[in-house]
Amino acid sequence: MNPRGAWLRLWYAWAPAAALVALNVVWLAGVRSAFLGRGSALAQQVTAAQSEVARLEGQDRQLEHAAQALADLRENLGTLRAQQMAPMRDRLVPFLNDVVRRAEASGLRPDRITYSVKRDTKSGLVYFSAHFDVKGSYEQIRRCVFALETSPQFILLEGLTLRGVDAATSLDVGVQLGVGTYFADLDEGLMKQLGVQEVPSGA
């Protein structure tokens, strides 16, 4: 008997089972592919979520640092206003004394001192400046500038203008130094005593 012929004659017995097996194989392959695709998509989503979490955590740390820096700045500004930008009546004389003392300690004698005062509308503070002439060597002037810049009185060096040079036999030069500082308010009575006129804010 031909085995192949027998299989063909009995196809109705094994064909349904074979078809069911084939369908199961196809179904399993589809399910496996779907699971693999879903797993890959989930893995990509997890990676993206982890990246987003890392980015948000970095921004959170930056915000914390910015908030701390702002708090420190406000504290320093409060200290600066209280200690170095005190009311004019409390700090003007110490400021002027410090400027003169540091110039004299450098071997210079301030002369022809002039003052000006102006309100700073942006900060609400008052800017006071003093200009004075000195004459001495380059080394003395350099020491004076350094002393003024390192003063605890919050002295701002506005500029240094050459006034003239002595005869060739002398190494001394004449300069005008401009210094300034800020105060918390304007004491009009004190300015009147010193003969200082307020400069308009727009000038």
C-alpha atoms as a PDB file:
ATOM      1  CA  MET A   1       0.000   0.000   0.000  1.00  0.00           C
ATOM      2  CA  ASN A   2       1.185   3.426  -0.854  1.00  0.00           C
ATOM      3  CA  PRO A   3       1.486   5.406   2.431  1.00  0.00           C
ATOM      4  CA  ARG A   4       1.033   8.684   0.593  1.00  0.00           C
ATOM      5  CA  GLY A   5      -2.244   7.457  -0.888  1.00  0.00           C
ATOM      6  CA  ALA A   6      -3.455   6.393   2.533  1.00  0.00           C
ATOM      7  CA  TRP A   7      -2.730   9.880   3.953  1.00  0.00           C
ATOM      8  CA  LEU A   8      -4.610  11.427   1.091  1.00  0.00           C
ATOM      9  CA  ARG A   9      -7.590   9.132   1.539  1.00  0.00           C
ATOM     10  CA  LEU A  10      -7.680   9.946   5.263  1.00  0.00           C
ATOM     11  CA  TRP A  11      -7.219  13.690   4.846  1.00  0.00           C
ATOM     12  CA  TYR A  12     -10.487  14.401   6.643  1.00  0.00           C
ATOM     13  CA  ALA A  13      -8.974  12.856   9.769  1.00  0.00           C
ATOM     14  CA  TRP A  14      -5.701  14.773   9.971  1.00  0.00           C
ATOM     15  CA  ALA A  15      -6.411  17.977   7.981  1.00  0.00           C
ATOM     16  CA  PRO A  16      -8.443  19.748  10.714  1.00  0.00           C
ATOM     17  CA  ALA A  17      -5.762  19.012  13.313  1.00  0.00           C
ATOM     18  CA  ALA A  18      -3.020  20.199  10.966  1.00  0.00           C
ATOM     19  CA  ALA A  19      -4.959  23.386  10.199  1.00  0.00           C
ATOM     20  CA  LEU A  20      -5.459  23.982  13.923  1.00  0.00           C
ATOM     21  CA  VAL A  21      -1.740  23.552  14.559  1.00  0.00           C
ATOM     22  CA  ALA A  22      -0.912  25.943  11.714  1.00  0.00           C
ATOM     23  CA  LEU A  23      -3.347  28.524  13.085  1.00  0.00           C
ATOM     24  CA  ASN A  24      -1.832  28.165  16.542  1.00  0.00           C
ATOM     25  CA  VAL A  25       1.657  28.684  15.134  1.00  0.00           C
ATOM     26  CA  VAL A  26       0.532  31.806  13.288  1.00  0.00           C
ATOM     27  CA  TRP A  27      -1.298  33.103  16.364  1.00  0.00           C
ATOM     28  CA  LEU A  28       1.659  32.449  18.636  1.00  0.00           C
ATOM     29  CA  ALA A  29       3.998  34.171  16.188  1.00  0.00           C
ATOM     30  CA  GLY A  30       1.673  37.188  16.077  1.00  0.00           C
ATOM     31  CA  VAL A  31       1.354  37.293  19.857  1.00  0.00           C
ATOM     32  CA  ARG A  32       5.121  37.022  20.261  1.00  0.00           C
ATOM     33  CA  SER A  33       5.680  39.809  17.738  1.00  0.00           C
ATOM     34  CA  ALA A  34       3.080  41.974  19.489  1.00  0.00           C
ATOM     35  CA  PHE A  35       4.672  41.346  22.875  1.00  0.00           C
ATOM     36  CA  LEU A  36       8.134  42.106  21.518  1.00  0.00           C
ATOM     37  CA  GLY A  37       6.911  45.305  19.881  1.00  0.00           C
ATOM     38  CA  ARG A  38       5.052  46.337  23.015  1.00  0.00           C
ATOM     39  CA  GLY A  39       8.100  45.553  25.115  1.00  0.00           C
ATOM     40  CA  SER A  40      10.314  47.666  22.860  1.00  0.00           C
ATOM     41  CA  ALA A  41       7.847  50.553  23.002  1.00  0.00           C
ATOM     42  CA  LEU A  42       7.647  50.291  26.786  1.00  0.00           C
ATOM     43  CA  ALA A  43      11.439  50.250  27.038  1.00  0.00           C
ATOM     44  CA  GLN A  44      11.609  53.431  24.929  1.00  0.00           C
ATOM     45  CA  GLN A  45       8.945  55.038  27.094  1.00  0.00           C
ATOM     46  CA  VAL A  46      10.855  54.101  30.262  1.00  0.00           C
ATOM     47  CA  THR A  47      14.075  55.569  28.831  1.00  0.00           C
ATOM     48  CA  ALA A  48      12.288  58.759  27.823  1.00  0.00           C
ATOM     49  CA  ALA A  49      10.633  59.002  31.254  1.00  0.00           C
ATOM     50  CA  GLN A  50      13.982  58.525  32.998  1.00  0.00           C
ATOM     51  CA  SER A  51      15.526  61.279  30.847  1.00  0.00           C
ATOM     52  CA  GLU A  52      12.632  63.609  31.642  1.00  0.00           C
ATOM     53  CA  VAL A  53      12.920  62.858  35.360  1.00  0.00           C
ATOM     54  CA  ALA A  54      16.670  63.593  35.240  1.00  0.00           C
ATOM     55  CA  ARG A  55      15.989  66.863  33.396  1.00  0.00           C
ATOM     56  CA  LEU A  56      13.330  67.931  35.896  1.00  0.00           C
ATOM     57  CA  GLU A  57      15.562  67.032  38.826  1.00  0.00           C
ATOM     58  CA  GLY A  58      18.354  69.134  37.299  1.00  0.00           C
ATOM     59  CA  GLN A  59      15.983  72.090  36.880  1.00  0.00           C
ATOM     60  CA  ASP A  60      14.801  71.626  40.459  1.00  0.00           C
ATOM     61  CA  ARG A  61      18.403  71.787  41.705  1.00  0.00           C
ATOM     62  CA  GLN A  62      19.007  74.906  39.606  1.00  0.00           C
ATOM     63  CA  LEU A  63      15.897  76.527  41.074  1.00  0.00           C
ATOM     64  CA  GLU A  64      17.054  75.678  44.583  1.00  0.00           C
ATOM     65  CA  HIS A  65      20.477  77.207  43.891  1.00  0.00           C
ATOM     66  CA  ALA A  66      18.870  80.300  42.341  1.00  0.00           C
ATOM     67  CA  ALA A  67      16.536  80.679  45.330  1.00  0.00           C
ATOM     68  CA  GLN A  68      19.462  80.386  47.736  1.00  0.00           C
ATOM     69  CA  ALA A  69      21.517  82.881  45.729  1.00  0.00           C
ATOM     70  CA  LEU A  70      18.572  85.308  45.766  1.00  0.00           C
ATOM     71  CA  ALA A  71      18.168  84.901  49.536  1.00  0.00           C
ATOM     72  CA  ASP A  72      21.909  85.519  50.023  1.00  0.00           C
ATOM     73  CA  LEU A  73      21.757  88.571  47.770  1.00  0.00           C
ATOM     74  CA  ARG A  74      18.841  90.017  49.717  1.00  0.00           C
ATOM     75  CA  GLU A  75      20.631  89.380  52.991  1.00  0.00           C
ATOM     76  CA  ASN A  76      23.825  91.003  51.709  1.00  0.00           C
ATOM     77  CA  LEU A  77      21.858  93.963  50.369  1.00  0.00           C
ATOM     78  CA  GLY A  78      20.170  94.375  53.745  1.00  0.00           C
ATOM     79  CA  THR A  79      23.544  94.253  55.486  1.00  0.00           C
ATOM     80  CA  LEU A  80      24.998  96.692  52.963  1.00  0.00           C
ATOM     81  CA  ARG A  81      22.145  99.130  53.456  1.00  0.00           C
ATOM     82  CA  ALA A  82      22.335  98.885  57.244  1.00  0.00           C
ATOM     83  CA  GLN A  83      26.106  99.028  57.689  1.00  0.00           C
ATOM     84  CA  GLN A  84      27.615 100.744  54.639  1.00  0.00           C
ATOM     85  CA  MET A  85      24.717 102.827  53.328  1.00  0.00           C
ATOM     86  CA  ALA A  86      23.479 104.154  56.638  1.00  0.00           C
ATOM     87  CA  PRO A  87      21.769 107.558  56.932  1.00  0.00           C
ATOM     88  CA  MET A  88      23.924 110.450  55.775  1.00  0.00           C
ATOM     89  CA  ARG A  89      24.100 112.079  59.226  1.00  0.00           C
ATOM     90  CA  ASP A  90      25.537 108.861  60.696  1.00  0.00           C
ATOM     91  CA  ARG A  91      28.139 108.127  58.048  1.00  0.00           C
ATOM     92  CA  LEU A  92      29.127 111.241  56.141  1.00  0.00           C
ATOM     93  CA  VAL A  93      31.751 112.499  58.615  1.00  0.00           C
ATOM     94  CA  PRO A  94      33.377 109.030  59.021  1.00  0.00           C
ATOM     95  CA  PHE A  95      33.419 108.713  55.222  1.00  0.00           C
ATOM     96  CA  LEU A  96      35.165 112.060  54.694  1.00  0.00           C
ATOM     97  CA  ASN A  97      37.585 111.455  57.562  1.00  0.00           C
ATOM     98  CA  ASP A  98      38.516 108.081  56.114  1.00  0.00           C
ATOM     99  CA  VAL A  99      39.178 109.561  52.665  1.00  0.00           C
ATOM    100  CA  VAL A 100      41.412 112.319  54.069  1.00  0.00           C
ATOM    101  CA  ARG A 101      43.207 109.957  56.456  1.00  0.00           C
ATOM    102  CA  ARG A 102      44.024 107.459  53.700  1.00  0.00           C
ATOM    103  CA  ALA A 103      45.291 110.183  51.386  1.00  0.00           C
ATOM    104  CA  GLU A 104      47.508 111.649  54.103  1.00  0.00           C
ATOM    105  CA  ALA A 105      48.788 108.173  55.040  1.00  0.00           C
ATOM    106  CA  SER A 106      49.960 107.864  51.421  1.00  0.00           C
ATOM    107  CA  GLY A 107      51.959 111.105  51.773  1.00  0.00           C
ATOM    108  CA  LEU A 108      49.413 113.336  50.025  1.00  0.00           C
ATOM    109  CA  ARG A 109      47.564 116.394  51.314  1.00  0.00           C
ATOM    110  CA  PRO A 110      44.022 116.856  49.887  1.00  0.00           C
ATOM    111  CA  ASP A 111      43.322 120.405  48.772  1.00  0.00           C
ATOM    112  CA  ARG A 112      40.364 122.322  47.268  1.00  0.00           C
ATOM    113  CA  ILE A 113      37.741 119.712  48.119  1.00  0.00           C
ATOM    114  CA  THR A 114      34.366 120.086  46.382  1.00  0.00           C
ATOM    115  CA  TYR A 115      31.210 118.066  46.989  1.00  0.00           C
ATOM    116  CA  SER A 116      28.090 117.129  45.059  1.00  0.00           C
ATOM    117  CA  VAL A 117      25.030 115.044  45.886  1.00  0.00           C
ATOM    118  CA  LYS A 118      22.390 113.435  43.689  1.00  0.00           C
ATOM    119  CA  ARG A 119      19.400 111.189  44.280  1.00  0.00           C
ATOM    120  CA  ASP A 120      19.391 107.801  42.537  1.00  0.00           C
ATOM    121  CA  THR A 121      15.768 107.305  41.495  1.00  0.00           C
ATOM    122  CA  LYS A 122      16.268 103.632  40.592  1.00  0.00           C
ATOM    123  CA  SER A 123      17.640 102.465  43.940  1.00  0.00           C
ATOM    124  CA  GLY A 124      16.151 105.140  46.182  1.00  0.00           C
ATOM    125  CA  LEU A 125      19.626 105.874  47.541  1.00  0.00           C
ATOM    126  CA  VAL A 126      21.598 109.127  47.540  1.00  0.00           C
ATOM    127  CA  TYR A 127      24.975 109.388  45.799  1.00  0.00           C
ATOM    128  CA  PHE A 128      27.513 111.730  47.389  1.00  0.00           C
ATOM    129  CA  SER A 129      30.818 112.538  45.700  1.00  0.00           C
ATOM    130  CA  ALA A 130      33.930 114.474  46.672  1.00  0.00           C
ATOM    131  CA  HIS A 131      36.666 115.801  44.390  1.00  0.00           C
ATOM    132  CA  PHE A 132      40.003 117.015  45.699  1.00  0.00           C
ATOM    133  CA  ASP A 133      43.420 117.963  44.376  1.00  0.00           C
ATOM    134  CA  VAL A 134      46.618 116.293  45.512  1.00  0.00           C
ATOM    135  CA  LYS A 135      50.249 116.598  44.450  1.00  0.00           C
ATOM    136  CA  GLY A 136      52.907 113.971  44.864  1.00  0.00           C
ATOM    137  CA  SER A 137      54.905 111.214  43.236  1.00  0.00           C
ATOM    138  CA  TYR A 138      53.406 108.495  41.097  1.00  0.00           C
ATOM    139  CA  GLU A 139      54.125 105.989  43.886  1.00  0.00           C
ATOM    140  CA  GLN A 140      52.269 108.115  46.452  1.00  0.00           C
ATOM    141  CA  ILE A 141      49.273 108.495  44.159  1.00  0.00           C
ATOM    142  CA  ARG A 142      49.254 104.757  43.452  1.00  0.00           C
ATOM    143  CA  ARG A 143      49.313 104.000  47.194  1.00  0.00           C
ATOM    144  CA  CYS A 144      46.495 106.482  47.768  1.00  0.00           C
ATOM    145  CA  VAL A 145      44.295 104.899  45.090  1.00  0.00           C
ATOM    146  CA  PHE A 146      44.918 101.441  46.529  1.00  0.00           C
ATOM    147  CA  ALA A 147      44.121 102.659  50.060  1.00  0.00           C
ATOM    148  CA  LEU A 148      40.850 104.212  48.909  1.00  0.00           C
ATOM    149  CA  GLU A 149      39.798 101.108  46.978  1.00  0.00           C
ATOM    150  CA  THR A 150      40.379  98.872  50.023  1.00  0.00           C
ATOM    151  CA  SER A 151      38.531 101.096  52.491  1.00  0.00           C
ATOM    152  CA  PRO A 152      35.722  99.462  54.501  1.00  0.00           C
ATOM    153  CA  GLN A 153      33.727 102.674  54.014  1.00  0.00           C
ATOM    154  CA  PHE A 154      32.406 101.561  50.588  1.00  0.00           C
ATOM    155  CA  ILE A 155      34.326 104.208  48.655  1.00  0.00           C
ATOM    156  CA  LEU A 156      33.823 104.299  44.890  1.00  0.00           C
ATOM    157  CA  LEU A 157      36.734 105.735  42.920  1.00  0.00           C
ATOM    158  CA  GLU A 158      35.173 107.931  40.220  1.00  0.00           C
ATOM    159  CA  GLY A 159      38.366 108.833  38.429  1.00  0.00           C
ATOM    160  CA  LEU A 160      41.789 110.397  38.431  1.00  0.00           C
ATOM    161  CA  THR A 161      42.472 113.500  36.324  1.00  0.00           C
ATOM    162  CA  LEU A 162      45.962 114.816  35.655  1.00  0.00           C
ATOM    163  CA  ARG A 163      46.195 118.464  36.720  1.00  0.00           C
ATOM    164  CA  GLY A 164      49.728 119.221  35.620  1.00  0.00           C
ATOM    165  CA  VAL A 165      53.382 118.279  35.931  1.00  0.00           C
ATOM    166  CA  ASP A 166      55.945 120.285  37.889  1.00  0.00           C
ATOM    167  CA  ALA A 167      59.245 121.396  36.457  1.00  0.00           C
ATOM    168  CA  ALA A 168      61.539 118.815  34.976  1.00  0.00           C
ATOM    169  CA  THR A 169      63.582 118.843  38.168  1.00  0.00           C
ATOM    170  CA  SER A 170      60.631 117.406  40.121  1.00  0.00           C
ATOM    171  CA  LEU A 171      58.942 114.028  39.778  1.00  0.00           C
ATOM    172  CA  ASP A 172      55.745 115.249  41.462  1.00  0.00           C
ATOM    173  CA  VAL A 173      52.482 115.480  39.534  1.00  0.00           C
ATOM    174  CA  GLY A 174      49.189 117.138  40.367  1.00  0.00           C
ATOM    175  CA  VAL A 175      45.972 115.145  40.016  1.00  0.00           C
ATOM    176  CA  GLN A 176      42.330 115.489  40.930  1.00  0.00           C
ATOM    177  CA  LEU A 177      40.789 112.459  42.622  1.00  0.00           C
ATOM    178  CA  GLY A 178      37.057 111.824  42.580  1.00  0.00           C
ATOM    179  CA  VAL A 179      35.463 109.500  45.108  1.00  0.00           C
ATOM    180  CA  GLY A 180      31.861 108.753  45.943  1.00  0.00           C
ATOM    181  CA  THR A 181      29.573 106.677  48.114  1.00  0.00           C
ATOM    182  CA  TYR A 182      25.876 105.952  48.668  1.00  0.00           C
ATOM    183  CA  PHE A 183      23.685 106.918  51.606  1.00  0.00           C
ATOM    184  CA  ALA A 184      20.271 105.703  52.624  1.00  0.00           C
ATOM    185  CA  ASP A 185      18.836 109.216  52.649  1.00  0.00           C
ATOM    186  CA  LEU A 186      19.560 112.873  51.934  1.00  0.00           C
ATOM    187  CA  ASP A 187      20.130 115.108  54.952  1.00  0.00           C
ATOM    188  CA  GLU A 188      19.263 118.480  53.480  1.00  0.00           C
ATOM    189  CA  GLY A 189      20.214 120.329  56.682  1.00  0.00           C
ATOM    190  CA  LEU A 190      23.682 118.793  56.697  1.00  0.00           C
ATOM    191  CA  MET A 191      24.139 119.554  53.004  1.00  0.00           C
ATOM    192  CA  LYS A 192      23.163 123.148  53.637  1.00  0.00           C
ATOM    193  CA  GLN A 193      25.779 123.408  56.383  1.00  0.00           C
ATOM    194  CA  LEU A 194      28.444 122.136  53.984  1.00  0.00           C
ATOM    195  CA  GLY A 195      27.199 124.397  51.193  1.00  0.00           C
ATOM    196  CA  VAL A 196      26.463 121.441  48.898  1.00  0.00           C
ATOM    197  CA  GLN A 197      23.843 121.921  46.168  1.00  0.00           C
ATOM    198  CA  GLU A 198      21.844 118.904  45.059  1.00  0.00           C
ATOM    199  CA  VAL A 199      22.414 117.911  41.437  1.00  0.00           C
ATOM    200  CA  PRO A 200      19.186 117.129  39.513  1.00  0.00           C
ATOM    201  CA  SER A 201      18.709 113.403  38.889  1.00  0.00           C
ATOM    202  CA  GLY A 202      18.745 113.823  35.116  1.00  0.00           C
ATOM    203  CA  ALA A 203      22.009 115.770  35.117  1.00  0.00           C
END
